[in-house]
């Protein structure tokens, strides 16, 4: 539900801000406002995505480390099973409990987290495009 609220607020801002600016100051200001707001909303979306990716990566990495510690401990198998299930719900194939899905997801998140330079370049391009759009309104 939270994602829908954020998307709804973004759409409302994209529609309402230019209308208010247009009514108050004219068409050029309205178009410039739309370009600026569009850039801000897009940058906020990318930034939110990166924060979510990093948060999920840290959480999953921490949980898998905890599983490794539990598995290497000298606890009874029953106690290990109970602790493992508290740390992270396992996926299973028939009778074999494993964490293949989580380990694969961690590898994918690690690779995505290592490519934040590309995301930074995208944000820089977004800022440049927004500035160019605003500038083109005034020419």
Protein backbone atom coordinates (compact mmCIF):
# COMPACT_ATOMS: atom_id res chain seq x y z
CA UNK A 1 0.00 0.00 0.00
CA UNK A 2 2.89 2.36 0.74
CA UNK A 3 4.20 2.16 -2.84
CA UNK A 4 0.79 3.09 -4.20
CA UNK A 5 0.66 6.09 -1.89
CA UNK A 6 4.06 7.27 -3.06
CA UNK A 7 3.11 6.82 -6.72
CA UNK A 8 -0.18 8.65 -6.17
CA UNK A 9 1.59 11.55 -4.47
CA UNK A 10 4.10 11.72 -7.32
CA UNK A 11 1.36 11.84 -9.93
CA UNK A 12 -0.54 14.46 -7.96
CA UNK A 13 2.56 16.66 -7.71
CA UNK A 14 3.30 16.22 -11.44
CA UNK A 15 -0.23 17.34 -12.30
CA UNK A 16 -0.97 19.94 -9.64
CA UNK A 17 2.36 21.84 -9.50
CA UNK A 18 2.35 22.93 -13.16
CA UNK A 19 -1.34 23.85 -12.98
CA UNK A 20 -0.76 26.11 -9.99
CA UNK A 21 2.36 27.63 -11.56
CA UNK A 22 0.56 28.08 -14.88
CA UNK A 23 -2.43 29.77 -13.28
CA UNK A 24 -0.27 32.01 -11.14
CA UNK A 25 2.58 32.95 -13.47
CA UNK A 26 1.95 31.79 -17.03
CA UNK A 27 2.79 29.04 -19.50
CA UNK A 28 6.58 29.29 -19.39
CA UNK A 29 6.68 28.95 -15.63
CA UNK A 30 4.21 26.08 -15.84
CA UNK A 31 6.37 24.18 -18.33
CA UNK A 32 9.53 24.88 -16.36
CA UNK A 33 7.82 23.73 -13.18
CA UNK A 34 6.73 20.53 -14.87
CA UNK A 35 10.26 19.81 -16.07
CA UNK A 36 11.75 20.47 -12.64
CA UNK A 37 9.14 18.42 -10.79
CA UNK A 38 9.51 15.55 -13.28
CA UNK A 39 13.27 15.53 -12.68
CA UNK A 40 12.82 15.58 -8.92
CA UNK A 41 10.26 12.76 -8.95
CA UNK A 42 12.44 10.60 -11.22
CA UNK A 43 15.54 11.24 -9.09
CA UNK A 44 13.58 10.43 -5.94
CA UNK A 45 12.44 7.14 -7.49
CA UNK A 46 15.96 6.11 -8.44
CA UNK A 47 17.31 7.14 -5.04
CA UNK A 48 14.56 5.22 -3.24
CA UNK A 49 15.34 2.15 -5.34
CA UNK A 50 19.03 2.31 -4.47
CA UNK A 51 18.28 2.72 -0.76
CA UNK A 52 15.92 -0.28 -0.87
CA UNK A 53 18.50 -2.38 -2.72
CA UNK A 54 21.22 -1.61 -0.18
CA UNK A 55 18.89 -2.20 2.78
CA UNK A 56 17.79 -5.57 1.43
CA UNK A 57 21.39 -6.51 0.62
CA UNK A 58 22.61 -5.74 4.16
CA UNK A 59 19.67 -7.57 5.75
CA UNK A 60 20.08 -10.71 3.65
CA UNK A 61 23.85 -10.73 4.09
CA UNK A 62 23.45 -10.43 7.86
CA UNK A 63 20.90 -13.26 7.98
CA UNK A 64 23.03 -15.60 5.87
CA UNK A 65 26.04 -14.88 8.12
CA UNK A 66 23.88 -15.78 11.11
CA UNK A 67 22.88 -19.04 9.41
CA UNK A 68 26.53 -19.86 8.79
CA UNK A 69 27.33 -19.31 12.47
CA UNK A 70 24.42 -21.49 13.56
CA UNK A 71 25.34 -24.27 11.15
CA UNK A 72 28.98 -24.27 12.32
CA UNK A 73 27.98 -24.27 15.99
CA UNK A 74 27.97 -27.35 18.16
CA UNK A 75 24.27 -27.15 18.94
CA UNK A 76 22.00 -30.13 18.56
CA UNK A 77 20.38 -30.53 15.14
CA UNK A 78 16.98 -29.67 16.62
CA UNK A 79 18.29 -26.45 18.18
CA UNK A 80 20.07 -25.56 14.94
CA UNK A 81 16.87 -26.10 12.96
CA UNK A 82 14.90 -23.88 15.34
CA UNK A 83 17.48 -21.09 15.17
CA UNK A 84 17.78 -21.33 11.38
CA UNK A 85 14.02 -20.94 10.99
CA UNK A 86 14.05 -17.90 13.30
CA UNK A 87 16.84 -16.26 11.32
CA UNK A 88 15.53 -16.97 7.82
CA UNK A 89 12.68 -19.09 6.53
CA UNK A 90 14.19 -21.85 4.39
CA UNK A 91 13.18 -22.88 0.93
CA UNK A 92 12.99 -26.60 0.43
CA UNK A 93 13.18 -29.20 -2.28
CA UNK A 94 11.51 -32.38 -1.16
CA UNK A 95 13.19 -33.34 2.12
CA UNK A 96 16.33 -31.27 1.66
CA UNK A 97 16.15 -27.84 3.30
CA UNK A 98 18.34 -25.28 1.59
CA UNK A 99 18.79 -21.57 1.11
CA UNK A 100 19.59 -21.57 -2.59
CA UNK A 101 17.06 -18.84 -3.39
CA UNK A 102 18.45 -16.53 -0.70
CA UNK A 103 22.09 -17.15 -1.66
CA UNK A 104 21.30 -16.45 -5.32
CA UNK A 105 19.37 -13.30 -4.39
CA UNK A 106 22.33 -12.10 -2.32
CA UNK A 107 24.66 -12.61 -5.30
CA UNK A 108 22.33 -10.61 -7.55
CA UNK A 109 21.99 -7.83 -4.96
CA UNK A 110 25.77 -7.75 -4.49
CA UNK A 111 26.26 -7.33 -8.22
CA UNK A 112 23.65 -4.57 -8.38
CA UNK A 113 25.17 -2.81 -5.36
CA UNK A 114 28.58 -2.90 -7.06
CA UNK A 115 27.14 -1.02 -10.05
CA UNK A 116 26.06 2.12 -8.23
CA UNK A 117 28.36 4.15 -10.49
CA UNK A 118 25.95 3.46 -13.35
CA UNK A 119 23.05 4.65 -11.21
CA UNK A 120 24.99 7.81 -10.33
CA UNK A 121 25.61 8.46 -14.03
CA UNK A 122 21.90 7.99 -14.70
CA UNK A 123 21.06 10.55 -12.01
CA UNK A 124 23.58 12.99 -13.50
CA UNK A 125 22.00 12.50 -16.93
CA UNK A 126 18.58 13.06 -15.42
CA UNK A 127 19.75 16.32 -13.85
CA UNK A 128 21.25 17.46 -17.16
CA UNK A 129 18.08 16.55 -19.07
CA UNK A 130 15.95 18.42 -16.55
CA UNK A 131 18.18 21.49 -16.79
CA UNK A 132 18.07 21.34 -20.60
CA UNK A 133 14.30 21.00 -20.56
CA UNK A 134 13.91 24.02 -18.29
CA UNK A 135 16.38 26.02 -20.38
CA UNK A 136 14.51 25.16 -23.60
CA UNK A 137 11.33 26.62 -22.15
CA UNK A 138 12.97 30.03 -21.74
CA UNK A 139 14.56 30.17 -25.22
